[in-house]
Amino acid sequence: MELEFNELRELLSVINQTDVAEFTLKSGEFELVVRKGMPTGGFAIP
């Protein structure tokens, strides 16, 4: 799956306007996880 920068920005904006606490998008080797209202400890790239 290939997301253009503007598509990703729009997706994050829409998620930010909802009550969704966690959103996961997976396609092949691509995985995007968005969590709202949770403390973060950074991220790791496998």
N, C-alpha and C. Protein backbone atom coordinates (compact mmCIF):
# COMPACT_ATOMS: atom_id res chain seq x y z
N MET A 1 0.86 -1.18 0.00
CA MET A 1 0.00 0.00 0.00
C MET A 1 0.89 1.22 0.00
N GLU A 2 0.49 2.20 -0.76
CA GLU A 2 1.26 3.43 -0.84
C GLU A 2 0.35 4.60 -0.51
N LEU A 3 0.73 5.38 0.50
CA LEU A 3 -0.03 6.57 0.87
C LEU A 3 0.78 7.80 0.51
N GLU A 4 0.14 8.72 -0.15
CA GLU A 4 0.77 10.01 -0.41
C GLU A 4 0.72 10.83 0.88
N PHE A 5 1.63 11.79 1.00
CA PHE A 5 1.70 12.60 2.21
C PHE A 5 0.36 13.28 2.52
N ASN A 6 -0.28 13.85 1.52
CA ASN A 6 -1.56 14.54 1.75
C ASN A 6 -2.65 13.58 2.19
N GLU A 7 -2.64 12.35 1.68
CA GLU A 7 -3.62 11.34 2.10
C GLU A 7 -3.39 10.97 3.56
N LEU A 8 -2.14 10.81 3.95
CA LEU A 8 -1.82 10.48 5.34
C LEU A 8 -2.23 11.63 6.26
N ARG A 9 -1.94 12.85 5.85
CA ARG A 9 -2.31 14.01 6.66
C ARG A 9 -3.83 14.10 6.82
N GLU A 10 -4.56 13.85 5.74
CA GLU A 10 -6.03 13.89 5.81
C GLU A 10 -6.56 12.78 6.72
N LEU A 11 -5.99 11.58 6.60
CA LEU A 11 -6.41 10.46 7.45
C LEU A 11 -6.18 10.80 8.92
N LEU A 12 -5.02 11.33 9.26
CA LEU A 12 -4.74 11.69 10.65
C LEU A 12 -5.66 12.80 11.15
N SER A 13 -6.00 13.74 10.27
CA SER A 13 -6.92 14.81 10.65
C SER A 13 -8.31 14.25 10.96
N VAL A 14 -8.78 13.33 10.13
CA VAL A 14 -10.09 12.71 10.36
C VAL A 14 -10.10 11.91 11.66
N ILE A 15 -9.04 11.14 11.89
CA ILE A 15 -8.95 10.36 13.13
C ILE A 15 -8.94 11.29 14.34
N ASN A 16 -8.24 12.41 14.23
CA ASN A 16 -8.15 13.37 15.33
C ASN A 16 -9.51 13.97 15.67
N GLN A 17 -10.43 14.04 14.72
CA GLN A 17 -11.75 14.64 14.93
C GLN A 17 -12.78 13.63 15.46
N THR A 18 -12.36 12.39 15.68
CA THR A 18 -13.28 11.36 16.17
C THR A 18 -12.93 10.95 17.59
N ASP A 19 -13.74 10.07 18.15
CA ASP A 19 -13.49 9.52 19.48
C ASP A 19 -12.70 8.22 19.41
N VAL A 20 -12.22 7.87 18.23
CA VAL A 20 -11.45 6.64 18.08
C VAL A 20 -10.16 6.76 18.89
N ALA A 21 -9.89 5.77 19.75
CA ALA A 21 -8.70 5.80 20.59
C ALA A 21 -7.51 5.13 19.91
N GLU A 22 -7.80 4.14 19.05
CA GLU A 22 -6.72 3.43 18.36
C GLU A 22 -7.17 3.04 16.97
N PHE A 23 -6.28 3.24 16.01
CA PHE A 23 -6.56 2.92 14.61
C PHE A 23 -5.36 2.20 14.04
N THR A 24 -5.59 1.06 13.39
CA THR A 24 -4.51 0.29 12.77
C THR A 24 -4.85 0.05 11.31
N LEU A 25 -3.87 0.31 10.46
CA LEU A 25 -4.01 0.08 9.03
C LEU A 25 -2.85 -0.80 8.60
N LYS A 26 -3.17 -1.99 8.07
CA LYS A 26 -2.14 -2.93 7.63
C LYS A 26 -2.35 -3.30 6.18
N SER A 27 -1.25 -3.39 5.45
CA SER A 27 -1.29 -3.84 4.06
C SER A 27 0.10 -4.37 3.71
N GLY A 28 0.20 -5.67 3.54
CA GLY A 28 1.50 -6.27 3.25
C GLY A 28 2.47 -6.00 4.38
N GLU A 29 3.61 -5.42 4.06
CA GLU A 29 4.62 -5.12 5.08
C GLU A 29 4.38 -3.75 5.73
N PHE A 30 3.42 -3.00 5.23
CA PHE A 30 3.11 -1.67 5.76
C PHE A 30 2.15 -1.78 6.93
N GLU A 31 2.45 -1.08 8.03
CA GLU A 31 1.54 -1.04 9.17
C GLU A 31 1.61 0.35 9.79
N LEU A 32 0.43 0.94 9.98
CA LEU A 32 0.32 2.24 10.61
C LEU A 32 -0.57 2.08 11.83
N VAL A 33 -0.09 2.48 13.00
CA VAL A 33 -0.88 2.41 14.24
C VAL A 33 -0.93 3.81 14.82
N VAL A 34 -2.14 4.29 15.07
CA VAL A 34 -2.35 5.61 15.67
C VAL A 34 -3.08 5.39 16.98
N ARG A 35 -2.50 5.90 18.07
CA ARG A 35 -3.13 5.80 19.39
C ARG A 35 -3.25 7.20 19.96
N LYS A 36 -4.44 7.52 20.44
CA LYS A 36 -4.69 8.85 21.02
C LYS A 36 -4.86 8.72 22.52
N GLY A 37 -4.36 9.71 23.24
CA GLY A 37 -4.57 9.77 24.69
C GLY A 37 -3.78 8.77 25.47
N MET A 38 -2.73 8.21 24.89
CA MET A 38 -1.90 7.24 25.58
C MET A 38 -0.46 7.76 25.65
N PRO A 39 0.22 7.51 26.77
CA PRO A 39 1.62 7.92 26.82
C PRO A 39 2.44 7.15 25.80
N THR A 40 3.42 7.81 25.22
CA THR A 40 4.26 7.15 24.23
C THR A 40 5.66 6.97 24.78
N GLY A 41 6.30 5.91 24.33
CA GLY A 41 7.66 5.66 24.75
C GLY A 41 8.59 5.65 23.56
N GLY A 42 8.14 6.22 22.46
CA GLY A 42 8.94 6.22 21.25
C GLY A 42 8.43 5.17 20.29
N PHE A 43 9.25 4.84 19.32
CA PHE A 43 8.84 3.84 18.34
C PHE A 43 10.05 3.07 17.90
N ALA A 44 9.79 1.91 17.33
CA ALA A 44 10.87 1.05 16.83
C ALA A 44 10.54 0.61 15.44
N ILE A 45 11.53 0.57 14.60
CA ILE A 45 11.35 0.07 13.24
C ILE A 45 11.96 -1.32 13.19
N PRO A 46 11.12 -2.32 12.89
CA PRO A 46 11.64 -3.70 12.90
C PRO A 46 12.65 -3.95 11.80
